[in-house]
Structure formats: C-alpha cells, structure tokens
Protein backbone atom coordinates (compact mmCIF):
# COMPACT_ATOMS: atom_id res chain seq x y z
CA UNK A 1 8.06 -6.97 14.40
CA UNK A 2 7.94 -10.52 15.65
CA UNK A 3 10.73 -13.14 15.74
CA UNK A 4 8.76 -15.14 13.16
CA UNK A 5 8.65 -12.16 10.77
CA UNK A 6 12.39 -11.57 11.19
CA UNK A 7 13.13 -15.26 10.54
CA UNK A 8 10.87 -15.33 7.48
CA UNK A 9 12.40 -12.14 6.08
CA UNK A 10 15.91 -13.53 6.59
CA UNK A 11 14.95 -16.83 4.92
CA UNK A 12 13.27 -15.12 1.99
CA UNK A 13 16.21 -12.75 1.42
CA UNK A 14 18.74 -15.58 1.73
CA UNK A 15 16.83 -17.64 -0.83
CA UNK A 16 16.50 -14.69 -3.24
CA UNK A 17 20.20 -13.83 -2.98
CA UNK A 18 21.73 -17.30 -2.99
CA UNK A 19 19.13 -19.56 -4.61
CA UNK A 20 20.69 -22.31 -2.49
CA UNK A 21 17.97 -24.29 -0.75
CA UNK A 22 20.52 -26.41 1.14
CA UNK A 23 22.15 -23.30 2.61
CA UNK A 24 18.71 -22.08 3.63
CA UNK A 25 17.93 -25.43 5.26
CA UNK A 26 21.18 -25.29 7.22
CA UNK A 27 20.69 -21.70 8.35
CA UNK A 28 17.08 -22.18 9.45
CA UNK A 29 17.45 -25.72 10.78
CA UNK A 30 14.98 -27.31 8.38
CA UNK A 31 15.16 -31.02 7.65
CA UNK A 32 12.74 -30.97 4.73
CA UNK A 33 13.22 -29.29 1.37
CA UNK A 34 9.44 -28.94 1.21
CA UNK A 35 9.48 -26.68 4.26
CA UNK A 36 12.48 -24.73 3.02
CA UNK A 37 10.87 -24.28 -0.40
CA UNK A 38 8.20 -22.11 1.19
CA UNK A 39 10.79 -19.33 1.30
CA UNK A 40 10.96 -19.31 -2.46
CA UNK A 41 7.74 -17.39 -2.83
CA UNK A 42 6.27 -18.03 -6.29
CA UNK A 43 3.50 -15.48 -5.75
CA UNK A 44 6.09 -12.79 -5.07
CA UNK A 45 8.00 -13.77 -8.20
CA UNK A 46 4.84 -13.62 -10.31
CA UNK A 47 4.07 -10.15 -8.97
CA UNK A 48 7.59 -8.92 -9.78
CA UNK A 49 7.36 -10.28 -13.34
CA UNK A 50 3.92 -8.75 -13.87
CA UNK A 51 5.13 -5.35 -12.64
CA UNK A 52 8.12 -5.53 -14.97
CA UNK A 53 5.88 -6.34 -17.95
CA UNK A 54 3.56 -3.47 -17.12
CA UNK A 55 6.53 -1.12 -16.94
CA UNK A 56 7.76 -2.31 -20.33
CA UNK A 57 4.31 -1.86 -21.87
CA UNK A 58 4.06 1.65 -20.45
CA UNK A 59 7.50 2.54 -21.81
CA UNK A 60 6.62 1.21 -25.25
CA UNK A 61 3.29 3.07 -25.19
CA UNK A 62 5.01 6.36 -24.34
CA UNK A 63 7.41 5.95 -27.27
CA UNK A 64 4.54 5.72 -29.80
C-alpha cells in the first residue's frame, strides 16, 4: 500500500459519499476541478450499473 493509493482511495470514497467536488478539492489540496473530477470514476460507475442490470436480468430469468 503506497501513500498515493491511500490518497486516491480516500478521494474516491469522499467523492462517492459526499458528491461534493469542492470538499474534495479542499481536502486534497487541488486547485483545479478537472484534477478533482478524476476521483469521480465514470468507468467504475459504468461497471456498477452493468453489474446491477445483470443481477436484475438474472432475477427476472429465474422467476420465469
């Protein structure tokens, strides 16, 4: 576990929990919203949505 990984995990979790990019910027010392926006991981969100849809499809399939 590196300091960078800990910082990134903290930033990602803070963004997921609060959704407040300005809070994230303050906590991590960023001056650019572009840099802070990297912690809102769209790839991760897409993966979570896809997994949820697959789970729903499987549940519906099992009911039939």
